[in-house]
Amino acid sequence: MRIVDLLNISRKETPLFYRRVYTAQAVFESPRGRAEKDVQFTVEHLPVGGVEIQVDRIENLDYPLIPVVRELKTYIAALDKKGSLP
């Protein structure tokens, strides 16, 4: 399973400036075909430096969750590093 794209990324307002919560539609590609699922994730800047990414919610998916979450975190980290997240 690989992540093709994150569509309709929107940022939720939070009272903490170092924590950003997003919702989006993730486009997954697997041997079974493509699927679009709603996801929610958090990007948090740690006090000692670095960034922690958490995938909070993924709509029902017919695939093992751990590899999907790992791929999503890698994809989100790349988007954050490029400055592509709102």
C-alpha atoms as a PDB file:
ATOM      1  CA  MET A   1       0.000   0.000   0.000  1.00  0.00           C
ATOM      2  CA  ARG A   2       1.298   3.432  -0.862  1.00  0.00           C
ATOM      3  CA  ILE A   3      -0.015   6.949  -0.379  1.00  0.00           C
ATOM      4  CA  VAL A   4      -0.744   8.670  -3.684  1.00  0.00           C
ATOM      5  CA  ASP A   5      -1.886  12.050  -2.352  1.00  0.00           C
ATOM      6  CA  LEU A   6      -3.585  13.963   0.453  1.00  0.00           C
ATOM      7  CA  LEU A   7      -6.537  15.967  -0.843  1.00  0.00           C
ATOM      8  CA  ASN A   8      -8.609  18.743   0.747  1.00  0.00           C
ATOM      9  CA  ILE A   9      -6.215  19.337   3.633  1.00  0.00           C
ATOM     10  CA  SER A  10      -7.785  21.677   6.166  1.00  0.00           C
ATOM     11  CA  ARG A  11      -6.424  22.884   9.486  1.00  0.00           C
ATOM     12  CA  LYS A  12      -8.553  22.901  12.627  1.00  0.00           C
ATOM     13  CA  GLU A  13      -8.182  25.743  15.090  1.00  0.00           C
ATOM     14  CA  THR A  14      -6.495  24.750  18.361  1.00  0.00           C
ATOM     15  CA  PRO A  15      -5.569  26.917  21.358  1.00  0.00           C
ATOM     16  CA  LEU A  16      -1.992  25.585  21.389  1.00  0.00           C
ATOM     17  CA  PHE A  17       0.349  27.277  18.914  1.00  0.00           C
ATOM     18  CA  TYR A  18       2.775  24.337  18.762  1.00  0.00           C
ATOM     19  CA  ARG A  19       0.080  21.789  17.862  1.00  0.00           C
ATOM     20  CA  ARG A  20      -1.616  21.672  14.464  1.00  0.00           C
ATOM     21  CA  VAL A  21      -4.578  19.386  13.773  1.00  0.00           C
ATOM     22  CA  TYR A  22      -5.562  18.586  10.189  1.00  0.00           C
ATOM     23  CA  THR A  23      -8.238  16.670   8.331  1.00  0.00           C
ATOM     24  CA  ALA A  24      -7.830  15.428   4.765  1.00  0.00           C
ATOM     25  CA  GLN A  25      -8.741  12.745   2.282  1.00  0.00           C
ATOM     26  CA  ALA A  26      -5.947  10.265   1.686  1.00  0.00           C
ATOM     27  CA  VAL A  27      -5.709   8.472  -1.643  1.00  0.00           C
ATOM     28  CA  PHE A  28      -4.268   4.974  -1.171  1.00  0.00           C
ATOM     29  CA  GLU A  29      -3.123   2.582  -3.871  1.00  0.00           C
ATOM     30  CA  SER A  30      -2.909  -1.142  -3.255  1.00  0.00           C
ATOM     31  CA  PRO A  31      -3.013  -4.300  -5.384  1.00  0.00           C
ATOM     32  CA  ARG A  32      -6.811  -4.205  -4.939  1.00  0.00           C
ATOM     33  CA  GLY A  33      -7.042  -0.729  -6.500  1.00  0.00           C
ATOM     34  CA  ARG A  34      -7.355   2.858  -5.303  1.00  0.00           C
ATOM     35  CA  ALA A  35      -9.285   4.045  -2.276  1.00  0.00           C
ATOM     36  CA  GLU A  36     -10.024   7.468  -0.763  1.00  0.00           C
ATOM     37  CA  LYS A  37     -10.427   7.593   2.999  1.00  0.00           C
ATOM     38  CA  ASP A  38     -10.896  10.439   5.485  1.00  0.00           C
ATOM     39  CA  VAL A  39      -8.008  10.923   7.898  1.00  0.00           C
ATOM     40  CA  GLN A  40      -7.201  13.195  10.810  1.00  0.00           C
ATOM     41  CA  PHE A  41      -3.635  13.841  11.927  1.00  0.00           C
ATOM     42  CA  THR A  42      -1.681  16.048  14.311  1.00  0.00           C
ATOM     43  CA  VAL A  43       1.693  17.711  13.820  1.00  0.00           C
ATOM     44  CA  GLU A  44       3.237  18.757  17.148  1.00  0.00           C
ATOM     45  CA  HIS A  45       6.499  20.618  17.668  1.00  0.00           C
ATOM     46  CA  LEU A  46       8.308  19.243  20.707  1.00  0.00           C
ATOM     47  CA  PRO A  47       9.961  21.527  23.305  1.00  0.00           C
ATOM     48  CA  VAL A  48      13.360  19.862  22.794  1.00  0.00           C
ATOM     49  CA  GLY A  49      13.172  20.200  19.018  1.00  0.00           C
ATOM     50  CA  GLY A  50      11.801  17.915  16.390  1.00  0.00           C
ATOM     51  CA  VAL A  51       8.306  17.173  15.235  1.00  0.00           C
ATOM     52  CA  GLU A  52       5.940  14.404  16.286  1.00  0.00           C
ATOM     53  CA  ILE A  53       3.250  13.262  13.866  1.00  0.00           C
ATOM     54  CA  GLN A  54       0.223  11.324  15.061  1.00  0.00           C
ATOM     55  CA  VAL A  55      -2.457   9.792  12.866  1.00  0.00           C
ATOM     56  CA  ASP A  56      -5.571  10.157  15.004  1.00  0.00           C
ATOM     57  CA  ARG A  57      -8.239   8.658  12.772  1.00  0.00           C
ATOM     58  CA  ILE A  58      -8.533   6.728   9.504  1.00  0.00           C
ATOM     59  CA  GLU A  59     -11.879   5.837   7.986  1.00  0.00           C
ATOM     60  CA  ASN A  60     -12.532   2.075   7.675  1.00  0.00           C
ATOM     61  CA  LEU A  61      -9.803   0.490   5.599  1.00  0.00           C
ATOM     62  CA  ASP A  62      -9.432  -3.084   4.309  1.00  0.00           C
ATOM     63  CA  TYR A  63      -5.707  -3.233   4.903  1.00  0.00           C
ATOM     64  CA  PRO A  64      -3.443  -3.716   7.944  1.00  0.00           C
ATOM     65  CA  LEU A  65      -3.345  -0.432   9.853  1.00  0.00           C
ATOM     66  CA  ILE A  66       0.295  -0.292  11.012  1.00  0.00           C
ATOM     67  CA  PRO A  67       1.906  -0.121   7.524  1.00  0.00           C
ATOM     68  CA  VAL A  68      -0.671   2.481   6.428  1.00  0.00           C
ATOM     69  CA  VAL A  69      -0.003   4.690   9.460  1.00  0.00           C
ATOM     70  CA  ARG A  70       3.760   4.398   8.892  1.00  0.00           C
ATOM     71  CA  GLU A  71       3.386   5.455   5.241  1.00  0.00           C
ATOM     72  CA  LEU A  72       1.062   8.319   6.193  1.00  0.00           C
ATOM     73  CA  LYS A  73       3.510   9.647   8.796  1.00  0.00           C
ATOM     74  CA  THR A  74       6.340   9.578   6.252  1.00  0.00           C
ATOM     75  CA  TYR A  75       4.211  11.355   3.646  1.00  0.00           C
ATOM     76  CA  ILE A  76       2.989  13.998   6.132  1.00  0.00           C
ATOM     77  CA  ALA A  77       6.545  14.616   7.379  1.00  0.00           C
ATOM     78  CA  ALA A  78       7.689  15.256   3.799  1.00  0.00           C
ATOM     79  CA  LEU A  79       4.798  17.687   3.226  1.00  0.00           C
ATOM     80  CA  ASP A  80       5.597  19.513   6.477  1.00  0.00           C
ATOM     81  CA  LYS A  81       9.288  19.750   5.617  1.00  0.00           C
ATOM     82  CA  LYS A  82       8.463  21.261   2.211  1.00  0.00           C
ATOM     83  CA  GLY A  83       6.028  23.715   3.845  1.00  0.00           C
ATOM     84  CA  SER A  84       3.036  22.372   1.902  1.00  0.00           C
ATOM     85  CA  LEU A  85       0.688  22.055   4.876  1.00  0.00           C
ATOM     86  CA  PRO A  86      -1.667  25.006   5.523  1.00  0.00           C
END
